[in-house]
């Protein structure tokens, strides 16, 4: 694996101005992503977790240039080409699309009901001009369909004939048929039954290893992330609050928010039931975030410095980073969130 990240962000921010207001002051702005630094190594299965509204999807879409970039930089470098995403022109952006793809969350809404499975999977090849003949297109479609456990009979049918898990495999095949290097999987198993989730997760991991892909796997479910991801970053209100290798994060979480998320994972052990650490209150509005640490309104360990100064993401180990003023003190005293 190269020492250089496949894709990295620096001070990445994505803001969405709202309509209305601004008569006696600035217009309200949704700060969906604020000052995010991420490095995703080539061949990595990188997890991004957090509550709904934390900015996970917006960050993933920004890394595909599918969301407007307000400030900061995103660099993609796979060894063959290097792109500075915010400055890409239309021609370069079209080339980048061949190397970066998205797997959508809803397998029912993501597929056109008027197209056969073959045409759905073939569409990226035809739009991007990646094949020179119908025969070559069909060969590529059959190849990726087989990898996604779809047979030739499936290719002749329409999406309505398939279950949720089968539809998601079709979506995966469509995303991978262009042979991308970087794939964003946005809550790609959230709409599926638990038993089907495991099957799709195993398929993604299998294909990732076989094709040497790099994944940004977005999820609100830490138990799902633990199953497939090599590294996990935790987002809260548009900011990264912790980032670490998966095993290390689960064994020794350092941010109170991460600890609360981990404690909420259901356990089969009767002695562990009822130990979930409740977070009081709702996640603040991204149009009016609190001063200082954005988690301070819900954190039981918040003190004056938390309410005044926003903590920066700092290294707390070789690959472990945390944004908390008190993480060392809490760890030394054995205090949990």
Foldseek 3Di string as FASTA:
>chain_A
DDPAFQKWWFQWWAKDFDPDDPPPHHTFIQGLAGGEIDGFHFLFAEEEAEDPSLNLVVVVCVQLVNGQTPDTWMWGPPPPDIDTPNPDDPVVSLVLLLAEFEQDAFLVVPFDQVAFLLCLLLVVCVVSVVDDDPVVSSVLLCVLCVLLVHHPVSRGHGPVVDDRLVSSSSSVSSRPSSPHQEYEYANRCVPDDPVSLVVVLVSVQVVSVVSRHTYYYYDHQLVSCLVRGQKYWYGALNYTFKIGGSVCCLVDPQDQVSLLSSLPHDDPDPVSPPVRDDFPDDQDGSSDAAAADSCLVGDPPDDDNRRHHHFDFDDPDPGMTGGDPCRVVCVVVVHHD
